[in-house]
Amino acid sequence: MTIRNIYLAAAETFADLASRTPVDGLDGPGVGEWSLRELVGHTVSAALRPVAVAGESPQPGLVLDSAEAYCVVIQGAPRELLAASAASVTQNARDYGKALGDRPGAVVREHLARAGAALDGVGDDELVVSPVGAMKLRDWLSTRVLELVVHTSDIALAAGVPVTHDAAAVTEAAVFAARATAALGAGVPLVRALTGREPLPSGFSVVQ
C-alpha cells in the first residue's frame, strides 16, 4: 500500500468509528481534559483538515527532510511557543467538536471527502504545508497516520465502542513512532523497553 492509501484507510477507520459513537456520550469524558466531542474534533482538525489544504503552496522557509524531523522540531521549540500551540490546538478541538453537532459521522465523512479530493492533486514528493515547515507529502502523511491511529484508539476507549484498525496503518504508525523516538535520541531506551529490559522514562512521548 502507498502512504496515501494507508492514510485513507486510517481515516476511514476513524470515520466509521465516529458514525458509531453514541451522540449522547459526546459530551462525556474523552482523554485528559477533553470531552469526547473535543477529542473527535481534535482528530478532525489535526488529521483531516490539514490534508484538505495540502495543495496550498508552502511559504519559503524551513523545509523538513523527513517525517521524524517534524517531531524533532516540535520537541525543540521554545516553551512559550509550545504553550501557545497547545492553546490553539485545544481551541480548534472545541471549535471542530462543536461543529460536529449531533451528526459526528456525517461531518467527519465530509472532512474525509475533502482530504481525499485534495490528495488527488498533490504528488507524493511535492512540498506541502505543515505547522512547522514545508515537507514532502509522503512524510506529512506519516505524521497524520500516527494522529489517526492514536486518537481513533482514544475515541474507541472513551466511547466504549469496538474498533478494528487497519493493519498497514498500525504498522506505519508504529514504525514512524520508533523512527521519531530514535531521532529524538531515545532509540536505545525504546529498544530496551520493547525487549522487557526497563520501561521508557516517565512521561516520554514523541508528540507534544
N, C-alpha and C. Protein backbone atom coordinates (compact mmCIF):
# COMPACT_ATOMS: atom_id res chain seq x y z
N MET A 1 0.83 -1.20 0.00
CA MET A 1 0.00 0.00 0.00
C MET A 1 0.87 1.25 0.00
N THR A 2 0.45 2.26 -0.73
CA THR A 2 1.16 3.54 -0.70
C THR A 2 0.78 4.29 0.58
N ILE A 3 1.58 5.29 0.92
CA ILE A 3 1.32 6.03 2.15
C ILE A 3 -0.03 6.74 2.07
N ARG A 4 -0.43 7.20 0.88
CA ARG A 4 -1.73 7.87 0.80
C ARG A 4 -2.87 6.87 1.00
N ASN A 5 -2.69 5.65 0.51
CA ASN A 5 -3.72 4.63 0.74
C ASN A 5 -3.78 4.24 2.22
N ILE A 6 -2.62 4.18 2.85
CA ILE A 6 -2.58 3.88 4.29
C ILE A 6 -3.28 4.99 5.07
N TYR A 7 -2.98 6.23 4.71
CA TYR A 7 -3.63 7.37 5.37
C TYR A 7 -5.15 7.29 5.20
N LEU A 8 -5.61 7.05 3.98
CA LEU A 8 -7.05 6.99 3.73
C LEU A 8 -7.70 5.83 4.47
N ALA A 9 -6.98 4.72 4.60
CA ALA A 9 -7.52 3.58 5.35
C ALA A 9 -7.67 3.93 6.83
N ALA A 10 -6.66 4.62 7.38
CA ALA A 10 -6.74 5.04 8.78
C ALA A 10 -7.86 6.05 8.98
N ALA A 11 -8.01 6.96 8.01
CA ALA A 11 -9.08 7.96 8.09
C ALA A 11 -10.45 7.31 7.99
N GLU A 12 -10.56 6.28 7.17
CA GLU A 12 -11.83 5.56 7.04
C GLU A 12 -12.19 4.86 8.35
N THR A 13 -11.20 4.30 9.02
CA THR A 13 -11.45 3.67 10.32
C THR A 13 -11.98 4.70 11.32
N PHE A 14 -11.37 5.88 11.32
CA PHE A 14 -11.82 6.97 12.19
C PHE A 14 -13.25 7.38 11.85
N ALA A 15 -13.54 7.56 10.56
CA ALA A 15 -14.87 7.99 10.14
C ALA A 15 -15.93 6.95 10.51
N ASP A 16 -15.59 5.69 10.33
CA ASP A 16 -16.53 4.62 10.69
C ASP A 16 -16.80 4.63 12.19
N LEU A 17 -15.75 4.82 12.98
CA LEU A 17 -15.93 4.86 14.43
C LEU A 17 -16.79 6.06 14.83
N ALA A 18 -16.55 7.21 14.20
CA ALA A 18 -17.33 8.41 14.52
C ALA A 18 -18.81 8.18 14.24
N SER A 19 -19.10 7.42 13.19
CA SER A 19 -20.50 7.16 12.84
C SER A 19 -21.17 6.21 13.83
N ARG A 20 -20.36 5.47 14.59
CA ARG A 20 -20.91 4.51 15.56
C ARG A 20 -20.80 5.00 17.00
N THR A 21 -20.26 6.19 17.17
CA THR A 21 -20.12 6.75 18.51
C THR A 21 -21.45 7.35 18.96
N PRO A 22 -21.99 6.91 20.10
CA PRO A 22 -23.28 7.43 20.57
C PRO A 22 -23.26 8.94 20.77
N VAL A 23 -24.21 9.63 20.16
CA VAL A 23 -24.26 11.09 20.26
C VAL A 23 -24.44 11.54 21.70
N ASP A 24 -25.20 10.78 22.48
CA ASP A 24 -25.46 11.19 23.86
C ASP A 24 -24.25 11.05 24.77
N GLY A 25 -23.17 10.48 24.23
CA GLY A 25 -21.95 10.36 25.02
C GLY A 25 -20.87 11.35 24.63
N LEU A 26 -21.15 12.18 23.62
CA LEU A 26 -20.12 13.08 23.10
C LEU A 26 -19.63 14.10 24.11
N ASP A 27 -20.48 14.49 25.02
CA ASP A 27 -20.06 15.50 25.99
C ASP A 27 -19.52 14.88 27.28
N GLY A 28 -19.34 13.55 27.27
CA GLY A 28 -18.72 12.86 28.38
C GLY A 28 -17.20 12.91 28.26
N PRO A 29 -16.49 12.25 29.16
CA PRO A 29 -15.02 12.28 29.16
C PRO A 29 -14.42 11.71 27.87
N GLY A 30 -13.35 12.37 27.41
CA GLY A 30 -12.62 11.88 26.24
C GLY A 30 -11.24 11.41 26.65
N VAL A 31 -10.27 12.29 26.56
CA VAL A 31 -8.92 11.98 27.01
C VAL A 31 -8.35 13.23 27.68
N GLY A 32 -7.68 13.07 28.80
CA GLY A 32 -7.17 14.23 29.53
C GLY A 32 -8.31 15.14 29.94
N GLU A 33 -8.17 16.43 29.64
CA GLU A 33 -9.20 17.40 29.98
C GLU A 33 -10.26 17.54 28.89
N TRP A 34 -10.06 16.87 27.77
CA TRP A 34 -11.00 17.00 26.65
C TRP A 34 -12.21 16.10 26.82
N SER A 35 -13.35 16.60 26.37
CA SER A 35 -14.54 15.76 26.27
C SER A 35 -14.39 14.86 25.05
N LEU A 36 -15.25 13.88 24.92
CA LEU A 36 -15.21 13.02 23.74
C LEU A 36 -15.47 13.84 22.48
N ARG A 37 -16.38 14.79 22.57
CA ARG A 37 -16.66 15.68 21.43
C ARG A 37 -15.40 16.43 21.00
N GLU A 38 -14.68 16.96 21.98
CA GLU A 38 -13.46 17.69 21.67
C GLU A 38 -12.38 16.77 21.13
N LEU A 39 -12.34 15.55 21.59
CA LEU A 39 -11.37 14.57 21.10
C LEU A 39 -11.62 14.26 19.63
N VAL A 40 -12.89 14.03 19.28
CA VAL A 40 -13.23 13.80 17.87
C VAL A 40 -12.92 15.05 17.06
N GLY A 41 -13.26 16.22 17.61
CA GLY A 41 -12.97 17.47 16.92
C GLY A 41 -11.49 17.67 16.69
N HIS A 42 -10.68 17.34 17.69
CA HIS A 42 -9.23 17.45 17.52
C HIS A 42 -8.73 16.53 16.42
N THR A 43 -9.25 15.32 16.36
CA THR A 43 -8.81 14.38 15.33
C THR A 43 -9.13 14.90 13.94
N VAL A 44 -10.28 15.53 13.81
CA VAL A 44 -10.63 16.16 12.53
C VAL A 44 -9.66 17.29 12.21
N SER A 45 -9.43 18.17 13.18
CA SER A 45 -8.61 19.35 12.93
C SER A 45 -7.13 19.01 12.75
N ALA A 46 -6.68 17.91 13.35
CA ALA A 46 -5.27 17.55 13.28
C ALA A 46 -4.95 16.60 12.14
N ALA A 47 -5.90 15.75 11.77
CA ALA A 47 -5.59 14.68 10.81
C ALA A 47 -6.33 14.78 9.48
N LEU A 48 -7.46 15.46 9.43
CA LEU A 48 -8.21 15.57 8.18
C LEU A 48 -8.13 16.97 7.59
N ARG A 49 -8.43 17.97 8.39
CA ARG A 49 -8.44 19.34 7.88
C ARG A 49 -7.10 19.77 7.28
N PRO A 50 -5.94 19.49 7.91
CA PRO A 50 -4.67 19.92 7.31
C PRO A 50 -4.42 19.29 5.94
N VAL A 51 -4.86 18.06 5.75
CA VAL A 51 -4.65 17.38 4.47
C VAL A 51 -5.55 17.99 3.41
N ALA A 52 -6.71 18.49 3.81
CA ALA A 52 -7.64 19.10 2.85
C ALA A 52 -7.06 20.36 2.22
N VAL A 53 -6.08 20.97 2.88
CA VAL A 53 -5.44 22.17 2.33
C VAL A 53 -3.99 21.89 1.96
N ALA A 54 -3.66 20.63 1.78
CA ALA A 54 -2.27 20.24 1.50
C ALA A 54 -1.75 20.81 0.19
N GLY A 55 -2.64 21.11 -0.74
CA GLY A 55 -2.22 21.61 -2.03
C GLY A 55 -1.80 23.07 -2.04
N GLU A 56 -2.02 23.78 -0.94
CA GLU A 56 -1.61 25.17 -0.88
C GLU A 56 -0.08 25.27 -0.93
N SER A 57 0.41 26.26 -1.65
CA SER A 57 1.86 26.40 -1.80
C SER A 57 2.50 26.81 -0.48
N PRO A 58 3.51 26.05 -0.02
CA PRO A 58 4.19 26.42 1.23
C PRO A 58 4.99 27.71 1.07
N GLN A 59 5.08 28.49 2.14
CA GLN A 59 5.86 29.71 2.11
C GLN A 59 7.35 29.37 2.18
N PRO A 60 8.21 30.22 1.61
CA PRO A 60 9.65 29.97 1.72
C PRO A 60 10.06 29.91 3.19
N GLY A 61 11.00 29.05 3.50
CA GLY A 61 11.45 28.92 4.88
C GLY A 61 11.95 27.52 5.15
N LEU A 62 11.72 27.05 6.36
CA LEU A 62 12.20 25.75 6.78
C LEU A 62 11.58 24.63 5.95
N VAL A 63 12.43 23.72 5.46
CA VAL A 63 11.96 22.53 4.75
C VAL A 63 12.46 21.32 5.52
N LEU A 64 11.55 20.50 6.00
CA LEU A 64 11.91 19.31 6.77
C LEU A 64 12.25 18.17 5.82
N ASP A 65 13.32 17.43 6.14
CA ASP A 65 13.78 16.40 5.22
C ASP A 65 13.27 15.00 5.55
N SER A 66 12.44 14.88 6.58
CA SER A 66 11.90 13.57 6.94
C SER A 66 10.67 13.75 7.82
N ALA A 67 9.91 12.68 7.98
CA ALA A 67 8.74 12.74 8.85
C ALA A 67 9.16 12.93 10.30
N GLU A 68 10.22 12.23 10.71
CA GLU A 68 10.64 12.32 12.11
C GLU A 68 11.18 13.70 12.46
N ALA A 69 11.68 14.43 11.44
CA ALA A 69 12.16 15.79 11.70
C ALA A 69 11.03 16.67 12.22
N TYR A 70 9.81 16.35 11.84
CA TYR A 70 8.63 17.09 12.32
C TYR A 70 8.57 17.03 13.85
N CYS A 71 8.76 15.84 14.40
CA CYS A 71 8.73 15.67 15.86
C CYS A 71 9.92 16.34 16.52
N VAL A 72 11.07 16.27 15.88
CA VAL A 72 12.28 16.87 16.45
C VAL A 72 12.11 18.39 16.57
N VAL A 73 11.57 19.01 15.51
CA VAL A 73 11.38 20.46 15.53
C VAL A 73 10.40 20.85 16.64
N ILE A 74 9.31 20.10 16.75
CA ILE A 74 8.31 20.42 17.78
C ILE A 74 8.89 20.27 19.18
N GLN A 75 9.60 19.16 19.41
CA GLN A 75 10.18 18.93 20.74
C GLN A 75 11.20 19.99 21.11
N GLY A 76 11.86 20.57 20.10
CA GLY A 76 12.89 21.56 20.38
C GLY A 76 12.40 22.99 20.38
N ALA A 77 11.10 23.19 20.20
CA ALA A 77 10.55 24.55 20.15
C ALA A 77 10.59 25.20 21.53
N PRO A 78 10.68 26.53 21.57
CA PRO A 78 10.67 27.24 22.86
C PRO A 78 9.39 26.94 23.65
N ARG A 79 9.51 26.95 24.97
CA ARG A 79 8.39 26.58 25.83
C ARG A 79 7.17 27.47 25.60
N GLU A 80 7.40 28.77 25.41
CA GLU A 80 6.26 29.68 25.23
C GLU A 80 5.54 29.40 23.90
N LEU A 81 6.30 28.98 22.89
CA LEU A 81 5.69 28.65 21.61
C LEU A 81 4.87 27.37 21.72
N LEU A 82 5.38 26.41 22.48
CA LEU A 82 4.64 25.17 22.70
C LEU A 82 3.34 25.44 23.46
N ALA A 83 3.41 26.35 24.43
CA ALA A 83 2.21 26.69 25.21
C ALA A 83 1.17 27.34 24.32
N ALA A 84 1.61 28.24 23.44
CA ALA A 84 0.67 28.90 22.53
C ALA A 84 0.07 27.90 21.55
N SER A 85 0.91 26.96 21.09
CA SER A 85 0.43 25.92 20.18
C SER A 85 -0.60 25.04 20.86
N ALA A 86 -0.33 24.67 22.11
CA ALA A 86 -1.27 23.81 22.85
C ALA A 86 -2.61 24.50 23.04
N ALA A 87 -2.58 25.81 23.31
CA ALA A 87 -3.82 26.57 23.47
C ALA A 87 -4.60 26.60 22.17
N SER A 88 -3.88 26.77 21.05
CA SER A 88 -4.53 26.79 19.74
C SER A 88 -5.13 25.43 19.41
N VAL A 89 -4.41 24.36 19.73
CA VAL A 89 -4.91 23.01 19.48
C VAL A 89 -6.19 22.76 20.26
N THR A 90 -6.20 23.19 21.52
CA THR A 90 -7.40 23.00 22.35
C THR A 90 -8.58 23.79 21.81
N GLN A 91 -8.33 25.03 21.37
CA GLN A 91 -9.42 25.83 20.82
C GLN A 91 -9.96 25.19 19.55
N ASN A 92 -9.07 24.69 18.70
CA ASN A 92 -9.51 24.00 17.48
C ASN A 92 -10.33 22.77 17.82
N ALA A 93 -9.91 22.04 18.85
CA ALA A 93 -10.65 20.85 19.27
C ALA A 93 -12.08 21.23 19.67
N ARG A 94 -12.21 22.33 20.38
CA ARG A 94 -13.53 22.79 20.81
C ARG A 94 -14.37 23.23 19.61
N ASP A 95 -13.74 24.01 18.72
CA ASP A 95 -14.48 24.53 17.57
C ASP A 95 -14.94 23.41 16.64
N TYR A 96 -14.03 22.51 16.32
CA TYR A 96 -14.39 21.41 15.42
C TYR A 96 -15.32 20.43 16.12
N GLY A 97 -15.16 20.29 17.42
CA GLY A 97 -16.07 19.43 18.17
C GLY A 97 -17.48 19.98 18.16
N LYS A 98 -17.61 21.28 18.37
CA LYS A 98 -18.93 21.93 18.35
C LYS A 98 -19.58 21.77 16.98
N ALA A 99 -18.76 21.86 15.92
CA ALA A 99 -19.29 21.75 14.56
C ALA A 99 -19.81 20.36 14.24
N LEU A 100 -19.47 19.37 15.05
CA LEU A 100 -19.98 18.01 14.82
C LEU A 100 -21.48 17.94 15.04
N GLY A 101 -22.00 18.83 15.89
CA GLY A 101 -23.43 18.81 16.19
C GLY A 101 -23.86 17.45 16.70
N ASP A 102 -25.00 16.98 16.18
CA ASP A 102 -25.47 15.65 16.56
C ASP A 102 -25.32 14.66 15.41
N ARG A 103 -24.41 14.98 14.48
CA ARG A 103 -24.15 14.09 13.34
C ARG A 103 -22.64 13.94 13.13
N PRO A 104 -21.93 13.45 14.12
CA PRO A 104 -20.47 13.36 14.01
C PRO A 104 -19.99 12.51 12.83
N GLY A 105 -20.66 11.40 12.58
CA GLY A 105 -20.24 10.54 11.49
C GLY A 105 -20.31 11.24 10.15
N ALA A 106 -21.40 11.95 9.89
CA ALA A 106 -21.58 12.64 8.62
C ALA A 106 -20.58 13.78 8.46
N VAL A 107 -20.35 14.53 9.53
CA VAL A 107 -19.42 15.65 9.46
C VAL A 107 -17.99 15.15 9.22
N VAL A 108 -17.61 14.09 9.91
CA VAL A 108 -16.27 13.53 9.71
C VAL A 108 -16.11 13.06 8.27
N ARG A 109 -17.12 12.45 7.72
CA ARG A 109 -17.03 11.97 6.33
C ARG A 109 -16.92 13.14 5.34
N GLU A 110 -17.54 14.25 5.65
CA GLU A 110 -17.39 15.43 4.79
C GLU A 110 -15.94 15.90 4.77
N HIS A 111 -15.32 15.92 5.94
CA HIS A 111 -13.90 16.31 6.01
C HIS A 111 -13.03 15.27 5.31
N LEU A 112 -13.35 14.01 5.46
CA LEU A 112 -12.58 12.95 4.80
C LEU A 112 -12.67 13.09 3.29
N ALA A 113 -13.85 13.41 2.78
CA ALA A 113 -14.03 13.58 1.33
C ALA A 113 -13.17 14.73 0.82
N ARG A 114 -13.12 15.82 1.56
CA ARG A 114 -12.30 16.96 1.14
C ARG A 114 -10.81 16.62 1.18
N ALA A 115 -10.40 15.87 2.20
CA ALA A 115 -8.99 15.46 2.28
C ALA A 115 -8.62 14.56 1.12
N GLY A 116 -9.50 13.60 0.81
CA GLY A 116 -9.24 12.69 -0.30
C GLY A 116 -9.15 13.42 -1.62
N ALA A 117 -10.04 14.39 -1.83
CA ALA A 117 -10.02 15.16 -3.08
C ALA A 117 -8.73 15.97 -3.19
N ALA A 118 -8.27 16.54 -2.07
CA ALA A 118 -7.04 17.32 -2.09
C ALA A 118 -5.84 16.45 -2.44
N LEU A 119 -5.82 15.22 -1.94
CA LEU A 119 -4.70 14.32 -2.21
C LEU A 119 -4.58 14.00 -3.69
N ASP A 120 -5.70 13.99 -4.39
CA ASP A 120 -5.67 13.67 -5.82
C ASP A 120 -4.86 14.68 -6.61
N GLY A 121 -4.69 15.88 -6.05
CA GLY A 121 -3.99 16.92 -6.79
C GLY A 121 -2.56 17.17 -6.33
N VAL A 122 -2.04 16.31 -5.46
CA VAL A 122 -0.69 16.52 -4.92
C VAL A 122 0.12 15.24 -5.06
N GLY A 123 1.34 15.35 -5.59
CA GLY A 123 2.22 14.19 -5.72
C GLY A 123 2.91 13.86 -4.41
N ASP A 124 3.32 12.61 -4.26
CA ASP A 124 3.94 12.17 -3.01
C ASP A 124 5.17 12.97 -2.62
N ASP A 125 5.94 13.43 -3.62
CA ASP A 125 7.18 14.14 -3.33
C ASP A 125 7.04 15.66 -3.38
N GLU A 126 5.83 16.16 -3.60
CA GLU A 126 5.61 17.60 -3.60
C GLU A 126 5.65 18.15 -2.18
N LEU A 127 6.16 19.36 -2.04
CA LEU A 127 6.21 20.01 -0.74
C LEU A 127 4.82 20.54 -0.37
N VAL A 128 4.43 20.29 0.86
CA VAL A 128 3.13 20.76 1.35
C VAL A 128 3.34 21.52 2.66
N VAL A 129 2.29 22.18 3.11
CA VAL A 129 2.35 22.99 4.32
C VAL A 129 2.15 22.12 5.56
N SER A 130 3.01 22.32 6.57
CA SER A 130 2.78 21.72 7.89
C SER A 130 2.93 22.84 8.92
N PRO A 131 2.51 22.63 10.15
CA PRO A 131 2.62 23.70 11.15
C PRO A 131 4.04 24.16 11.45
N VAL A 132 5.04 23.34 11.13
CA VAL A 132 6.41 23.70 11.50
C VAL A 132 7.32 23.88 10.29
N GLY A 133 6.79 23.81 9.09
CA GLY A 133 7.61 23.98 7.91
C GLY A 133 7.11 23.14 6.76
N ALA A 134 7.70 23.34 5.59
CA ALA A 134 7.31 22.56 4.43
C ALA A 134 7.92 21.16 4.51
N MET A 135 7.22 20.18 3.99
CA MET A 135 7.73 18.82 3.95
C MET A 135 7.06 18.06 2.82
N LYS A 136 7.68 16.97 2.39
CA LYS A 136 7.09 16.16 1.33
C LYS A 136 5.77 15.57 1.80
N LEU A 137 4.83 15.46 0.88
CA LEU A 137 3.52 14.93 1.23
C LEU A 137 3.64 13.57 1.89
N ARG A 138 4.48 12.69 1.36
CA ARG A 138 4.60 11.34 1.92
C ARG A 138 5.03 11.39 3.39
N ASP A 139 5.91 12.33 3.73
CA ASP A 139 6.36 12.46 5.12
C ASP A 139 5.26 13.06 6.00
N TRP A 140 4.57 14.05 5.49
CA TRP A 140 3.48 14.68 6.24
C TRP A 140 2.38 13.67 6.54
N LEU A 141 2.07 12.81 5.56
CA LEU A 141 1.02 11.82 5.77
C LEU A 141 1.41 10.81 6.85
N SER A 142 2.68 10.49 6.96
CA SER A 142 3.11 9.57 8.02
C SER A 142 2.77 10.13 9.40
N THR A 143 2.97 11.44 9.57
CA THR A 143 2.65 12.05 10.86
C THR A 143 1.15 12.04 11.11
N ARG A 144 0.36 12.17 10.04
CA ARG A 144 -1.11 12.18 10.20
C ARG A 144 -1.65 10.78 10.47
N VAL A 145 -0.98 9.76 9.94
CA VAL A 145 -1.40 8.38 10.24
C VAL A 145 -1.23 8.11 11.73
N LEU A 146 -0.12 8.58 12.30
CA LEU A 146 0.07 8.40 13.75
C LEU A 146 -1.06 9.08 14.52
N GLU A 147 -1.39 10.30 14.14
CA GLU A 147 -2.51 11.01 14.79
C GLU A 147 -3.79 10.19 14.71
N LEU A 148 -4.08 9.67 13.54
CA LEU A 148 -5.32 8.92 13.34
C LEU A 148 -5.37 7.65 14.16
N VAL A 149 -4.29 6.89 14.15
CA VAL A 149 -4.29 5.62 14.88
C VAL A 149 -4.39 5.87 16.38
N VAL A 150 -3.62 6.82 16.89
CA VAL A 150 -3.64 7.10 18.33
C VAL A 150 -5.00 7.61 18.77
N HIS A 151 -5.53 8.60 18.06
CA HIS A 151 -6.79 9.20 18.51
C HIS A 151 -8.00 8.33 18.22
N THR A 152 -7.94 7.52 17.18
CA THR A 152 -9.03 6.57 16.97
C THR A 152 -9.09 5.58 18.13
N SER A 153 -7.93 5.15 18.60
CA SER A 153 -7.91 4.25 19.75
C SER A 153 -8.39 4.97 21.01
N ASP A 154 -8.04 6.26 21.16
CA ASP A 154 -8.53 7.05 22.29
C ASP A 154 -10.05 7.14 22.28
N ILE A 155 -10.61 7.42 21.11
CA ILE A 155 -12.06 7.58 20.97
C ILE A 155 -12.78 6.28 21.26
N ALA A 156 -12.26 5.18 20.72
CA ALA A 156 -12.89 3.87 20.94
C ALA A 156 -12.93 3.54 22.43
N LEU A 157 -11.84 3.83 23.12
CA LEU A 157 -11.78 3.54 24.56
C LEU A 157 -12.75 4.43 25.33
N ALA A 158 -12.76 5.72 25.01
CA ALA A 158 -13.63 6.65 25.73
C ALA A 158 -15.10 6.38 25.47
N ALA A 159 -15.42 5.99 24.22
CA ALA A 159 -16.82 5.77 23.85
C ALA A 159 -17.30 4.37 24.20
N GLY A 160 -16.37 3.47 24.47
CA GLY A 160 -16.74 2.09 24.73
C GLY A 160 -17.26 1.39 23.49
N VAL A 161 -16.71 1.79 22.33
CA VAL A 161 -17.13 1.23 21.05
C VAL A 161 -15.95 0.47 20.45
N PRO A 162 -16.13 -0.78 20.05
CA PRO A 162 -15.02 -1.55 19.48
C PRO A 162 -14.57 -1.00 18.13
N VAL A 163 -13.31 -1.15 17.84
CA VAL A 163 -12.78 -0.69 16.56
C VAL A 163 -11.73 -1.68 16.08
N THR A 164 -11.69 -1.91 14.78
CA THR A 164 -10.66 -2.75 14.17
C THR A 164 -9.78 -1.85 13.31
N HIS A 165 -8.55 -1.67 13.72
CA HIS A 165 -7.64 -0.80 12.99
C HIS A 165 -7.12 -1.48 11.73
N ASP A 166 -6.85 -0.68 10.70
CA ASP A 166 -6.21 -1.20 9.51
C ASP A 166 -4.78 -1.61 9.86
N ALA A 167 -4.39 -2.82 9.49
CA ALA A 167 -3.08 -3.35 9.88
C ALA A 167 -1.93 -2.52 9.33
N ALA A 168 -2.05 -2.08 8.08
CA ALA A 168 -0.98 -1.29 7.48
C ALA A 168 -0.84 0.06 8.18
N ALA A 169 -1.96 0.63 8.61
CA ALA A 169 -1.92 1.91 9.31
C ALA A 169 -1.25 1.77 10.67
N VAL A 170 -1.56 0.69 11.37
CA VAL A 170 -0.92 0.44 12.67
C VAL A 170 0.59 0.26 12.49
N THR A 171 0.98 -0.48 11.47
CA THR A 171 2.40 -0.68 11.20
C THR A 171 3.09 0.64 10.89
N GLU A 172 2.47 1.44 10.03
CA GLU A 172 3.04 2.75 9.68
C GLU A 172 3.20 3.63 10.91
N ALA A 173 2.17 3.66 11.75
CA ALA A 173 2.22 4.48 12.96
C ALA A 173 3.33 4.00 13.90
N ALA A 174 3.43 2.69 14.07
CA ALA A 174 4.44 2.14 14.97
C ALA A 174 5.85 2.39 14.46
N VAL A 175 6.06 2.20 13.16
CA VAL A 175 7.39 2.41 12.57
C VAL A 175 7.77 3.88 12.65
N PHE A 176 6.82 4.75 12.32
CA PHE A 176 7.11 6.19 12.40
C PHE A 176 7.43 6.60 13.83
N ALA A 177 6.65 6.12 14.79
CA ALA A 177 6.90 6.46 16.19
C ALA A 177 8.29 5.99 16.63
N ALA A 178 8.70 4.80 16.17
CA ALA A 178 10.02 4.28 16.52
C ALA A 178 11.12 5.13 15.89
N ARG A 179 10.94 5.52 14.63
CA ARG A 179 11.95 6.35 13.97
C ARG A 179 12.04 7.72 14.64
N ALA A 180 10.88 8.27 15.01
CA ALA A 180 10.88 9.57 15.69
C ALA A 180 11.57 9.46 17.05
N THR A 181 11.33 8.36 17.75
CA THR A 181 11.97 8.15 19.04
C THR A 181 13.49 8.11 18.90
N ALA A 182 13.97 7.40 17.87
CA ALA A 182 15.41 7.34 17.63
C ALA A 182 15.96 8.73 17.29
N ALA A 183 15.21 9.48 16.47
CA ALA A 183 15.65 10.81 16.08
C ALA A 183 15.71 11.76 17.28
N LEU A 184 14.89 11.49 18.27
CA LEU A 184 14.87 12.30 19.49
C LEU A 184 15.93 11.86 20.50
N GLY A 185 16.72 10.84 20.12
CA GLY A 185 17.81 10.39 20.98
C GLY A 185 17.43 9.34 21.99
N ALA A 186 16.25 8.75 21.84
CA ALA A 186 15.80 7.74 22.81
C ALA A 186 15.64 6.37 22.17
N GLY A 187 16.39 6.12 21.09
CA GLY A 187 16.28 4.84 20.40
C GLY A 187 16.66 3.65 21.27
N VAL A 188 17.77 3.76 21.99
CA VAL A 188 18.20 2.65 22.84
C VAL A 188 17.20 2.40 23.98
N PRO A 189 16.74 3.43 24.70
CA PRO A 189 15.72 3.18 25.71
C PRO A 189 14.46 2.53 25.14
N LEU A 190 14.08 2.89 23.91
CA LEU A 190 12.91 2.27 23.29
C LEU A 190 13.16 0.79 23.04
N VAL A 191 14.32 0.47 22.48
CA VAL A 191 14.65 -0.94 22.22
C VAL A 191 14.67 -1.73 23.53
N ARG A 192 15.24 -1.15 24.58
CA ARG A 192 15.28 -1.84 25.86
C ARG A 192 13.87 -2.03 26.44
N ALA A 193 13.01 -1.04 26.23
CA ALA A 193 11.63 -1.16 26.72
C ALA A 193 10.88 -2.24 25.96
N LEU A 194 11.08 -2.29 24.64
CA LEU A 194 10.38 -3.27 23.81
C LEU A 194 10.87 -4.69 24.06
N THR A 195 12.07 -4.82 24.60
CA THR A 195 12.60 -6.15 24.89
C THR A 195 12.52 -6.49 26.37
N GLY A 196 11.75 -5.70 27.11
CA GLY A 196 11.47 -6.02 28.51
C GLY A 196 12.57 -5.71 29.49
N ARG A 197 13.58 -4.93 29.05
CA ARG A 197 14.69 -4.63 29.97
C ARG A 197 14.29 -3.60 31.03
N GLU A 198 13.68 -2.52 30.59
CA GLU A 198 13.27 -1.46 31.51
C GLU A 198 12.26 -0.57 30.80
N PRO A 199 11.38 0.10 31.56
CA PRO A 199 10.37 0.96 30.93
C PRO A 199 10.98 2.24 30.39
N LEU A 200 10.25 2.88 29.48
CA LEU A 200 10.67 4.18 29.00
C LEU A 200 10.60 5.19 30.15
N PRO A 201 11.37 6.27 30.06
CA PRO A 201 11.31 7.30 31.10
C PRO A 201 9.88 7.79 31.30
N SER A 202 9.51 8.10 32.53
CA SER A 202 8.17 8.58 32.84
C SER A 202 7.84 9.82 32.03
N GLY A 203 6.67 9.80 31.39
CA GLY A 203 6.22 10.96 30.63
C GLY A 203 6.77 11.06 29.23
N PHE A 204 7.57 10.08 28.80
CA PHE A 204 8.15 10.16 27.46
C PHE A 204 7.06 10.12 26.39
N SER A 205 7.21 10.96 25.37
CA SER A 205 6.27 10.97 24.24
C SER A 205 6.96 11.56 23.03
N VAL A 206 6.62 11.07 21.84
CA VAL A 206 7.18 11.64 20.61
C VAL A 206 6.34 12.81 20.13
N VAL A 207 5.22 13.06 20.79
CA VAL A 207 4.35 14.18 20.43
C VAL A 207 4.16 15.08 21.64
N GLN A 208 3.78 16.33 21.36
CA GLN A 208 3.51 17.28 22.45
C GLN A 208 2.01 17.39 22.65
